[in-house]
Amino acid sequence: MHRLRSPRSGRESRLKEPTSKSLRVDGLFQSHRGKFCELFERFSEHGVASRAVSWYRPHLETSLELIERAAPDFSAANIDIGGGDSTLVDDLLARGYQNISVLDISQTAVDVNKKRLGSASEHIHWLVADITKAKLESCAYDVWLDRAVFHFLTSSEQRLAYVRQVPNAVKPGGHVIVSTVGPEGPTKCSGLDVVRYDAKSLHREFGVRFRLLGHSKELHRTPFDTIQQFLYCFCRVE
C-alpha cells in the first residue's frame, strides 16, 4: 500500500484497496459505495448528475463561511470529503485558496468536476477513494470539510473507521467542519439511508479530542423543491 503524496502536488491519486484481513468495514460500506457510484453515473449520462441528488446545492455558502473563519490564510491546506461534483472547489479557487484537495468515492464525479473546471482543475489535488479506508498523509490538512458524507455511515464500524482518519490527517489545532442531516431531517437521501444528528450526538461520535467551537442548522432546499434540515458542527483538533 502506498501513501498519498502531498496535497500540494496537484495530481490525482487513486488509492489501492487494503489487503488487511480486517475487511468487515469494507463489506459494510460496499453496498452504499456501489449505490453512490451507480446513482451518480446513471444521472451523469444525462448531464444532471449533481442536480439529481437531494443534497446538491449550487453554492455551499455555510461551508465556505466556516472555511474562511477557520483558515483566513489562503495557503492553508483544505480537503473536501465527498466533494466530487461540488462547486465548493470553484468558490475556494475564486477566493484565492491555493492548496485544495477533493476526495470522492466516484471517479465519474471527479471527472465531471475536472471537466467543468477546465484548466483550473490542474491546481487541485484529486483523490478517488473510500474515506473509511483511504491512507491519507499524516498532519497534511488545516481544514477538513465534510458536507453530507458522514450521515451515510449507518454502522458504528463505518463511523469509527472515518473518525480515526480525521486526527491523523488534520494538523493539531486544525479545524473540522462536518455537516449532516439534522434531527428533523429526512431518514433517507436520494433513496440511501442516513443517520440524523443533533450537535451533541454528532460531537459524541468524534469524541473529546475534537473541541466543539460552534454549531448551526440550515434549511436546505433540494433540487426537487423540498426542504431538508442540515446540521453543521465546527470543531478544532486538540
Protein backbone atom coordinates (compact mmCIF):
# COMPACT_ATOMS: atom_id res chain seq x y z
CA MET A 1 0.00 0.00 0.00
CA HIS A 2 1.43 3.39 -0.94
CA ARG A 3 0.70 6.61 0.87
CA LEU A 4 -0.71 9.69 -0.85
CA ARG A 5 1.64 12.37 -1.96
CA SER A 6 1.44 15.86 -0.54
CA PRO A 7 -1.82 17.74 -1.19
CA ARG A 8 0.32 20.36 -2.89
CA SER A 9 1.20 18.01 -5.74
CA GLY A 10 -1.81 18.92 -7.90
CA ARG A 11 -2.14 15.33 -9.09
CA GLU A 12 -4.89 12.77 -8.99
CA SER A 13 -4.42 9.74 -6.76
CA ARG A 14 -6.44 6.56 -6.89
CA LEU A 15 -5.97 4.54 -3.73
CA LYS A 16 -5.46 0.80 -3.81
CA GLU A 17 -7.76 -1.39 -1.79
CA PRO A 18 -6.24 -2.54 1.53
CA THR A 19 -5.11 -6.15 1.88
CA SER A 20 -5.72 -6.31 5.63
CA LYS A 21 -7.54 -9.34 7.00
CA SER A 22 -9.87 -6.95 8.77
CA LEU A 23 -12.36 -6.41 5.97
CA ARG A 24 -15.60 -6.02 7.90
CA VAL A 25 -15.84 -2.27 7.31
CA ASP A 26 -15.21 -2.80 3.59
CA GLY A 27 -18.19 -5.11 3.37
CA LEU A 28 -20.42 -2.80 5.38
CA PHE A 29 -19.68 0.17 3.15
CA GLN A 30 -19.60 -1.69 -0.14
CA SER A 31 -23.35 -1.55 -0.73
CA HIS A 32 -23.51 2.22 -0.14
CA ARG A 33 -20.37 2.70 -2.24
CA GLY A 34 -21.95 0.89 -5.16
CA LYS A 35 -25.18 2.85 -4.80
CA PHE A 36 -23.32 6.18 -4.70
CA CYS A 37 -21.36 5.42 -7.85
CA GLU A 38 -24.35 3.92 -9.66
CA LEU A 39 -26.53 6.89 -8.74
CA PHE A 40 -24.03 9.45 -9.96
CA GLU A 41 -23.03 7.59 -13.10
CA ARG A 42 -26.65 7.00 -14.12
CA PHE A 43 -27.54 10.67 -13.96
CA SER A 44 -24.23 11.88 -15.38
CA GLU A 45 -25.20 10.29 -18.70
CA HIS A 46 -27.93 12.92 -18.91
CA GLY A 47 -25.72 15.79 -17.75
CA VAL A 48 -27.61 16.34 -14.49
CA ALA A 49 -25.66 14.18 -12.06
CA SER A 50 -25.14 16.64 -9.24
CA ARG A 51 -28.59 18.20 -9.52
CA ALA A 52 -30.25 14.78 -9.36
CA VAL A 53 -29.28 14.10 -5.74
CA SER A 54 -31.15 15.68 -2.87
CA TRP A 55 -28.10 17.11 -1.09
CA TYR A 56 -26.99 19.18 -4.11
CA ARG A 57 -26.72 22.92 -3.56
CA PRO A 58 -25.41 25.35 -6.22
CA HIS A 59 -23.11 27.06 -3.73
CA LEU A 60 -22.20 25.92 -0.21
CA GLU A 61 -22.32 29.31 1.49
CA THR A 62 -22.23 27.99 5.07
CA SER A 63 -19.33 25.65 4.33
CA LEU A 64 -17.41 28.46 2.67
CA GLU A 65 -18.05 30.84 5.55
CA LEU A 66 -16.74 28.33 8.08
CA ILE A 67 -13.67 27.56 6.00
CA GLU A 68 -12.85 31.27 5.79
CA ARG A 69 -13.30 31.51 9.56
CA ALA A 70 -11.04 28.53 10.19
CA ALA A 71 -8.38 29.38 7.63
CA PRO A 72 -8.12 33.02 6.56
CA ASP A 73 -4.65 32.26 5.16
CA PHE A 74 -5.08 31.33 1.50
CA SER A 75 -2.13 28.93 1.70
CA ALA A 76 -3.98 26.72 4.22
CA ALA A 77 -4.48 23.12 3.13
CA ASN A 78 -8.18 22.27 2.72
CA ILE A 79 -9.70 18.87 1.96
CA ASP A 80 -13.31 18.48 0.81
CA ILE A 81 -14.59 15.00 1.68
CA GLY A 82 -17.17 13.80 -0.83
CA GLY A 83 -16.62 16.92 -2.92
CA GLY A 84 -16.88 15.07 -6.25
CA ASP A 85 -19.07 17.40 -8.30
CA SER A 86 -19.49 20.12 -5.68
CA THR A 87 -18.89 23.74 -6.68
CA LEU A 88 -17.15 24.45 -3.37
CA VAL A 89 -13.81 24.00 -5.10
CA ASP A 90 -14.78 26.70 -7.63
CA ASP A 91 -15.58 29.14 -4.83
CA LEU A 92 -12.39 28.35 -2.92
CA LEU A 93 -10.32 28.97 -6.04
CA ALA A 94 -12.20 32.21 -6.71
CA ARG A 95 -11.33 33.44 -3.22
CA GLY A 96 -7.66 32.69 -3.73
CA TYR A 97 -7.15 29.41 -1.84
CA GLN A 98 -4.09 27.68 -3.24
CA ASN A 99 -3.92 24.28 -1.54
CA ILE A 100 -7.14 22.34 -2.15
CA SER A 101 -7.77 18.60 -2.14
CA VAL A 102 -11.03 16.95 -3.16
CA LEU A 103 -11.77 13.35 -2.19
CA ASP A 104 -14.68 11.39 -3.60
CA ILE A 105 -15.58 7.73 -3.91
CA SER A 106 -16.80 8.19 -7.51
CA GLN A 107 -14.34 8.54 -10.37
CA THR A 108 -17.21 9.81 -12.50
CA ALA A 109 -17.95 12.62 -10.05
CA VAL A 110 -14.31 13.68 -10.06
CA ASP A 111 -14.17 13.57 -13.86
CA VAL A 112 -17.31 15.72 -14.15
CA ASN A 113 -15.83 18.29 -11.78
CA LYS A 114 -12.49 18.36 -13.59
CA LYS A 115 -14.24 18.86 -16.92
CA ARG A 116 -16.29 21.74 -15.53
CA LEU A 117 -13.24 23.45 -14.06
CA GLY A 118 -11.15 23.04 -17.19
CA SER A 119 -7.53 24.12 -16.81
CA ALA A 120 -8.23 25.27 -13.22
CA SER A 121 -8.56 21.60 -12.25
CA GLU A 122 -4.80 21.29 -12.57
CA HIS A 123 -4.45 23.29 -9.36
CA ILE A 124 -6.48 20.75 -7.34
CA HIS A 125 -5.25 17.51 -5.78
CA TRP A 126 -7.90 14.91 -6.68
CA LEU A 127 -8.32 11.75 -4.63
CA VAL A 128 -10.55 8.85 -5.66
CA ALA A 129 -11.10 6.79 -2.52
CA ASP A 130 -13.42 5.41 0.13
CA ILE A 131 -12.80 7.70 3.10
CA THR A 132 -13.16 4.83 5.59
CA LYS A 133 -10.13 3.12 4.01
CA ALA A 134 -8.01 5.88 2.49
CA LYS A 135 -4.38 6.17 3.62
CA LEU A 136 -4.13 9.93 3.94
CA GLU A 137 -0.88 11.69 4.64
CA SER A 138 -0.38 12.45 8.33
CA CYS A 139 -0.90 16.04 9.50
CA ALA A 140 -1.47 17.25 5.96
CA TYR A 141 -4.55 19.46 6.32
CA ASP A 142 -5.56 22.62 8.13
CA VAL A 143 -9.27 22.22 7.37
CA TRP A 144 -11.37 19.08 6.88
CA LEU A 145 -14.78 19.75 5.33
CA ASP A 146 -17.46 17.10 5.00
CA ARG A 147 -20.91 18.10 3.84
CA ALA A 148 -23.23 15.11 3.50
CA VAL A 149 -20.90 12.11 3.76
CA PHE A 150 -20.76 11.18 7.46
CA HIS A 151 -24.52 10.75 7.77
CA PHE A 152 -24.41 7.94 5.20
CA LEU A 153 -22.28 5.83 7.54
CA THR A 154 -25.02 3.83 9.20
CA SER A 155 -22.95 1.38 11.25
CA SER A 156 -20.69 2.11 14.21
CA GLU A 157 -17.80 0.33 12.45
CA GLN A 158 -18.03 2.67 9.49
CA ARG A 159 -18.15 5.75 11.69
CA LEU A 160 -15.22 4.61 13.82
CA ALA A 161 -13.13 3.99 10.69
CA TYR A 162 -13.99 7.50 9.47
CA VAL A 163 -13.32 9.23 12.78
CA ARG A 164 -9.89 7.58 13.06
CA GLN A 165 -8.92 9.22 9.80
CA VAL A 166 -9.50 12.77 10.94
CA PRO A 167 -6.93 13.40 13.72
CA ASN A 168 -4.33 11.56 11.67
CA ALA A 169 -4.84 13.71 8.57
CA VAL A 170 -5.59 17.08 10.21
CA LYS A 171 -2.84 19.08 11.85
CA PRO A 172 -3.04 19.67 15.61
CA GLY A 173 -5.03 22.87 16.00
CA GLY A 174 -6.64 22.32 12.61
CA HIS A 175 -10.37 22.57 12.09
CA VAL A 176 -13.04 20.02 11.19
CA ILE A 177 -16.37 21.01 9.67
CA VAL A 178 -18.96 18.26 9.38
CA SER A 179 -22.49 18.72 8.08
CA THR A 180 -25.18 16.04 8.28
CA VAL A 181 -28.95 15.90 8.16
CA GLY A 182 -30.33 17.41 11.34
CA PRO A 183 -32.63 15.85 13.93
CA GLU A 184 -35.67 16.93 11.93
CA GLY A 185 -34.17 15.97 8.58
CA PRO A 186 -35.08 13.01 6.37
CA THR A 187 -34.19 9.39 7.15
CA LYS A 188 -33.17 8.83 3.53
CA CYS A 189 -31.38 10.99 0.97
CA SER A 190 -31.95 10.06 -2.67
CA GLY A 191 -33.01 6.60 -1.54
CA LEU A 192 -29.98 5.98 0.69
CA ASP A 193 -30.35 5.52 4.46
CA VAL A 194 -28.86 8.24 6.65
CA VAL A 195 -28.33 8.85 10.35
CA ARG A 196 -29.78 12.08 11.75
CA TYR A 197 -27.80 14.07 14.32
CA ASP A 198 -28.07 16.97 16.68
CA ALA A 199 -24.91 18.78 17.80
CA LYS A 200 -24.49 16.69 20.94
CA SER A 201 -24.83 13.32 19.24
CA LEU A 202 -22.58 14.28 16.33
CA HIS A 203 -19.87 15.59 18.64
CA ARG A 204 -20.13 12.40 20.69
CA GLU A 205 -19.22 10.38 17.59
CA PHE A 206 -15.93 12.28 17.29
CA GLY A 207 -15.01 12.46 20.96
CA VAL A 208 -13.17 14.72 23.36
CA ARG A 209 -10.18 15.21 21.10
CA PHE A 210 -12.39 17.42 18.96
CA ARG A 211 -13.32 20.67 20.68
CA LEU A 212 -16.74 21.86 19.57
CA LEU A 213 -16.44 25.56 18.72
CA GLY A 214 -19.92 26.04 17.34
CA HIS A 215 -22.88 24.52 15.57
CA SER A 216 -25.80 25.69 13.48
CA LYS A 217 -28.74 24.39 11.49
CA GLU A 218 -29.58 25.19 7.91
CA LEU A 219 -32.73 24.65 5.88
CA HIS A 220 -31.61 23.20 2.58
CA ARG A 221 -33.85 23.45 -0.46
CA THR A 222 -33.30 20.38 -2.63
CA PRO A 223 -33.30 20.35 -6.44
CA PHE A 224 -36.80 18.86 -6.10
CA ASP A 225 -38.05 21.95 -4.22
CA THR A 226 -38.37 20.18 -0.86
CA ILE A 227 -36.81 21.36 2.40
CA GLN A 228 -34.30 19.37 4.45
CA GLN A 229 -32.74 20.32 7.76
CA PHE A 230 -28.94 20.17 7.87
CA LEU A 231 -26.68 20.48 10.90
CA TYR A 232 -23.18 21.98 10.89
CA CYS A 233 -20.60 21.31 13.60
CA PHE A 234 -17.36 23.29 13.72
CA CYS A 235 -14.53 21.71 15.74
CA ARG A 236 -10.83 22.10 16.44
CA VAL A 237 -8.46 19.15 16.79
CA GLU A 238 -6.83 19.39 20.21
